[in-house]
Amino acid sequence: METITILLADDHKLIRDAWTFMLNSDPRFEVCGIASTGKEVIELTKQLSPSVILMDINLGEISGFDAAEIILADNPGKKIIGVSMHSIPAYAKRLFKIGGKGYVTKNSSREEFIQAILEVNAGKKYICHEIKDALSQREFENEAGPDINALSKRELEVVKYIKGGLSSKEISCQLGLSLKTVEVHRYNILKKLQLKNSAVLINFLNMNGF
């Protein structure tokens, strides 16, 4: 059986070391590269051409989502598994929409990490049990109605602050935007999600685990 080469990407050294030890202890796998930023994982993918990329979606300046988009634009068949500390179905949906093949959380067991790698390497998709518990497979693939993935990166930032209870003025201070710009973002968010007001938006976010 051919060894599965894996590129790891996480901004915490302890996590990178733990993943490396776990995977290199299994003869089926070889960690061929380690990245701590989105920029590094993009460059190492070009250099190493790994079988599977196991990547934290929260990588700082260039997020795992952004890195995945860049990688898949050049290599549409590249197999990416997203990893997050958050069991938020919307995050998993976003990665799959980009073209990712798997999603696990940092609460997933060693066995589940390995299963995800094996299935994704074999050309299948994998969603961890924690996400499945929050949202059924059928809902994941066929859910109709408002889609949080329709929002831009800036709009998602505004949404986070709206859910936190901040006013438009407070959001403008947090993001360094004018009050008018924040109000435009709020209007566009409601329009894209086909929601009537901020109260309905917050309820939608809570129901979708955002």
Protein backbone atom coordinates (compact mmCIF):
# COMPACT_ATOMS: atom_id res chain seq x y z
CA MET A 1 0.00 0.00 0.00
CA GLU A 2 1.37 3.40 -1.01
CA THR A 3 2.15 5.73 1.87
CA ILE A 4 -0.24 8.66 2.23
CA THR A 5 1.75 11.89 2.43
CA ILE A 6 0.25 14.58 4.61
CA LEU A 7 0.85 18.31 4.88
CA LEU A 8 -0.11 19.68 8.31
CA ALA A 9 -1.10 23.29 8.91
CA ASP A 10 -1.86 24.78 12.32
CA ASP A 11 -0.70 27.95 14.07
CA HIS A 12 -0.02 26.17 17.40
CA LYS A 13 3.25 24.25 17.71
CA LEU A 14 1.86 21.84 20.30
CA ILE A 15 -0.93 20.82 17.91
CA ARG A 16 1.51 20.42 15.01
CA ASP A 17 3.82 18.28 17.13
CA ALA A 18 0.95 16.12 18.38
CA TRP A 19 -0.44 15.53 14.88
CA THR A 20 3.03 14.76 13.53
CA PHE A 21 3.74 12.21 16.26
CA MET A 22 0.32 10.59 15.88
CA LEU A 23 0.52 10.24 12.10
CA ASN A 24 4.18 9.29 11.79
CA SER A 25 3.53 6.52 14.32
CA ASP A 26 1.26 4.88 11.74
CA PRO A 27 3.09 3.23 8.80
CA ARG A 28 0.28 4.19 6.43
CA PHE A 29 1.14 7.89 6.77
CA GLU A 30 4.08 10.21 6.32
CA VAL A 31 4.01 13.86 7.39
CA CYS A 32 5.87 15.44 4.47
CA GLY A 33 5.53 19.06 5.55
CA ILE A 34 4.42 21.33 8.38
CA ALA A 35 3.02 24.85 8.06
CA SER A 36 2.03 27.45 10.63
CA THR A 37 0.43 30.05 8.32
CA GLY A 38 -1.86 30.13 5.31
CA LYS A 39 0.96 31.46 3.15
CA GLU A 40 3.21 28.56 4.16
CA VAL A 41 0.62 25.90 3.42
CA ILE A 42 0.02 27.37 -0.05
CA GLU A 43 3.75 27.36 -0.84
CA LEU A 44 4.39 23.90 0.63
CA THR A 45 1.49 22.45 -1.34
CA LYS A 46 3.20 23.59 -4.54
CA GLN A 47 6.57 22.22 -3.45
CA LEU A 48 5.51 18.90 -1.91
CA SER A 49 2.25 17.95 -3.64
CA PRO A 50 0.93 16.01 -0.60
CA SER A 51 -1.77 13.36 -0.86
CA VAL A 52 -3.85 15.10 1.81
CA ILE A 53 -3.73 18.52 3.48
CA LEU A 54 -4.87 18.58 7.12
CA MET A 55 -5.43 22.26 7.84
CA ASP A 56 -6.77 24.37 10.69
CA ILE A 57 -9.31 26.83 9.27
CA ASN A 58 -8.17 29.55 11.70
CA LEU A 59 -4.69 30.40 10.46
CA GLY A 60 -4.60 34.15 11.00
CA GLU A 61 -4.03 36.63 8.18
CA ILE A 62 -4.73 34.07 5.46
CA SER A 63 -7.40 31.78 6.91
CA GLY A 64 -7.76 28.11 6.12
CA PHE A 65 -10.76 28.99 3.97
CA ASP A 66 -8.75 31.51 1.95
CA ALA A 67 -5.79 29.14 1.65
CA ALA A 68 -8.10 26.35 0.47
CA GLU A 69 -9.57 28.59 -2.23
CA ILE A 70 -6.12 29.55 -3.49
CA ILE A 71 -4.85 25.96 -3.44
CA LEU A 72 -7.93 24.56 -5.17
CA ALA A 73 -7.88 27.26 -7.83
CA ASP A 74 -4.52 25.86 -9.00
CA ASN A 75 -5.14 22.22 -8.01
CA PRO A 76 -8.90 21.45 -8.18
CA GLY A 77 -8.35 17.82 -7.21
CA LYS A 78 -6.30 18.53 -4.09
CA LYS A 79 -7.73 16.79 -1.02
CA ILE A 80 -8.17 19.16 1.92
CA ILE A 81 -9.49 18.30 5.37
CA GLY A 82 -10.45 21.30 7.50
CA VAL A 83 -9.92 21.21 11.24
CA SER A 84 -11.48 23.56 13.78
CA MET A 85 -12.01 23.92 17.50
CA HIS A 86 -15.60 24.94 16.66
CA SER A 87 -18.40 22.46 15.95
CA ILE A 88 -20.20 24.96 13.73
CA PRO A 89 -22.02 23.42 10.74
CA ALA A 90 -21.75 26.70 8.80
CA TYR A 91 -17.95 26.42 8.85
CA ALA A 92 -18.07 22.88 7.49
CA LYS A 93 -20.55 23.93 4.80
CA ARG A 94 -18.31 26.80 3.78
CA LEU A 95 -15.28 24.54 3.39
CA PHE A 96 -17.22 21.96 1.36
CA LYS A 97 -18.61 24.72 -0.86
CA ILE A 98 -15.03 25.85 -1.58
CA GLY A 99 -14.11 22.29 -2.53
CA GLY A 100 -12.77 20.78 0.69
CA LYS A 101 -13.27 17.05 1.13
CA GLY A 102 -13.35 16.59 4.90
CA TYR A 103 -14.07 18.36 8.16
CA VAL A 104 -13.17 17.32 11.70
CA THR A 105 -13.04 19.20 14.99
CA LYS A 106 -10.29 19.20 17.59
CA ASN A 107 -12.65 17.19 19.78
CA SER A 108 -12.50 14.34 17.27
CA SER A 109 -10.76 11.16 18.37
CA ARG A 110 -7.51 9.80 16.93
CA GLU A 111 -9.55 7.09 15.21
CA GLU A 112 -11.79 9.67 13.58
CA PHE A 113 -8.84 11.74 12.35
CA ILE A 114 -7.38 8.61 10.74
CA GLN A 115 -10.71 7.58 9.26
CA ALA A 116 -11.12 11.06 7.76
CA ILE A 117 -7.69 10.90 6.13
CA LEU A 118 -8.25 7.40 4.73
CA GLU A 119 -11.68 8.20 3.30
CA VAL A 120 -10.66 11.54 1.80
CA ASN A 121 -7.53 9.99 0.30
CA ALA A 122 -9.78 7.33 -1.27
CA GLY A 123 -11.83 10.03 -2.98
CA LYS A 124 -14.72 10.16 -0.49
CA LYS A 125 -16.00 13.01 1.66
CA TYR A 126 -15.89 12.93 5.44
CA ILE A 127 -17.83 14.85 8.09
CA CYS A 128 -17.01 14.19 11.73
CA HIS A 129 -19.61 12.88 14.17
CA GLU A 130 -19.73 16.14 16.11
CA ILE A 131 -20.91 18.04 13.04
CA LYS A 132 -23.29 15.26 12.06
CA ASP A 133 -24.85 15.44 15.50
CA ALA A 134 -25.51 19.15 14.96
CA LEU A 135 -26.75 18.76 11.43
CA SER A 136 -27.79 15.59 9.64
CA GLN A 137 -26.04 14.49 6.46
CA ARG A 138 -29.16 15.08 4.43
CA GLU A 139 -29.58 18.61 5.77
CA PHE A 140 -25.88 19.23 5.14
CA GLU A 141 -26.22 18.38 1.46
CA ASN A 142 -29.72 19.64 0.72
CA GLU A 143 -30.59 22.38 3.18
CA ALA A 144 -32.67 25.06 1.51
CA GLY A 145 -33.25 28.66 2.50
CA PRO A 146 -30.80 31.29 3.78
CA ASP A 147 -27.15 30.34 3.39
CA ILE A 148 -24.50 31.97 5.60
CA ASN A 149 -21.94 31.15 2.88
CA ALA A 150 -23.51 33.86 0.72
CA LEU A 151 -21.89 36.48 2.95
CA SER A 152 -18.52 38.06 2.30
CA LYS A 153 -15.63 37.85 4.77
CA ARG A 154 -16.34 41.40 6.02
CA GLU A 155 -20.05 40.65 6.36
CA LEU A 156 -19.23 37.57 8.44
CA GLU A 157 -17.16 39.78 10.74
CA VAL A 158 -20.09 42.17 11.13
CA VAL A 159 -22.41 39.22 11.81
CA LYS A 160 -20.15 38.06 14.64
CA TYR A 161 -20.43 41.44 16.33
CA ILE A 162 -24.19 41.65 15.76
CA LYS A 163 -24.59 38.32 17.50
CA GLY A 164 -22.41 39.67 20.33
CA GLY A 165 -24.96 42.43 20.86
CA LEU A 166 -22.85 45.33 19.59
CA SER A 167 -24.51 48.39 18.08
CA SER A 168 -23.59 49.68 14.62
CA LYS A 169 -21.52 52.43 16.24
CA GLU A 170 -19.63 49.89 18.37
CA ILE A 171 -19.05 47.66 15.33
CA SER A 172 -17.69 50.61 13.37
CA CYS A 173 -15.15 51.24 16.14
CA GLN A 174 -14.15 47.57 16.32
CA LEU A 175 -13.61 47.24 12.57
CA GLY A 176 -12.37 50.76 11.84
CA LEU A 177 -15.25 51.43 9.44
CA SER A 178 -17.58 54.38 9.10
CA LEU A 179 -21.02 54.08 10.67
CA LYS A 180 -22.59 54.36 7.21
CA THR A 181 -20.49 51.45 5.90
CA VAL A 182 -21.56 49.25 8.83
CA GLU A 183 -25.21 50.12 8.19
CA VAL A 184 -24.79 49.16 4.52
CA HIS A 185 -23.24 45.83 5.56
CA ARG A 186 -26.16 45.19 7.93
CA TYR A 187 -28.65 45.92 5.15
CA ASN A 188 -26.83 43.63 2.70
CA ILE A 189 -26.59 40.82 5.27
CA LEU A 190 -30.35 40.83 5.85
CA LYS A 191 -31.02 41.06 2.11
CA LYS A 192 -28.71 38.16 1.22
CA LEU A 193 -30.15 35.96 3.97
CA GLN A 194 -33.73 37.04 3.22
CA LEU A 195 -34.32 38.00 6.85
CA LYS A 196 -36.46 40.85 8.18
CA ASN A 197 -34.41 42.27 11.05
CA SER A 198 -31.50 41.73 13.44
CA ALA A 199 -33.62 39.77 15.92
CA VAL A 200 -34.53 37.24 13.22
CA LEU A 201 -30.89 37.19 12.11
CA ILE A 202 -29.67 36.31 15.61
CA ASN A 203 -32.26 33.54 15.87
CA PHE A 204 -31.12 32.19 12.47
CA LEU A 205 -27.48 32.24 13.60
CA ASN A 206 -28.28 30.39 16.83
CA MET A 207 -30.32 27.73 15.01
CA ASN A 208 -27.45 27.16 12.55
CA GLY A 209 -24.77 26.95 15.23
CA PHE A 210 -22.90 30.04 14.01
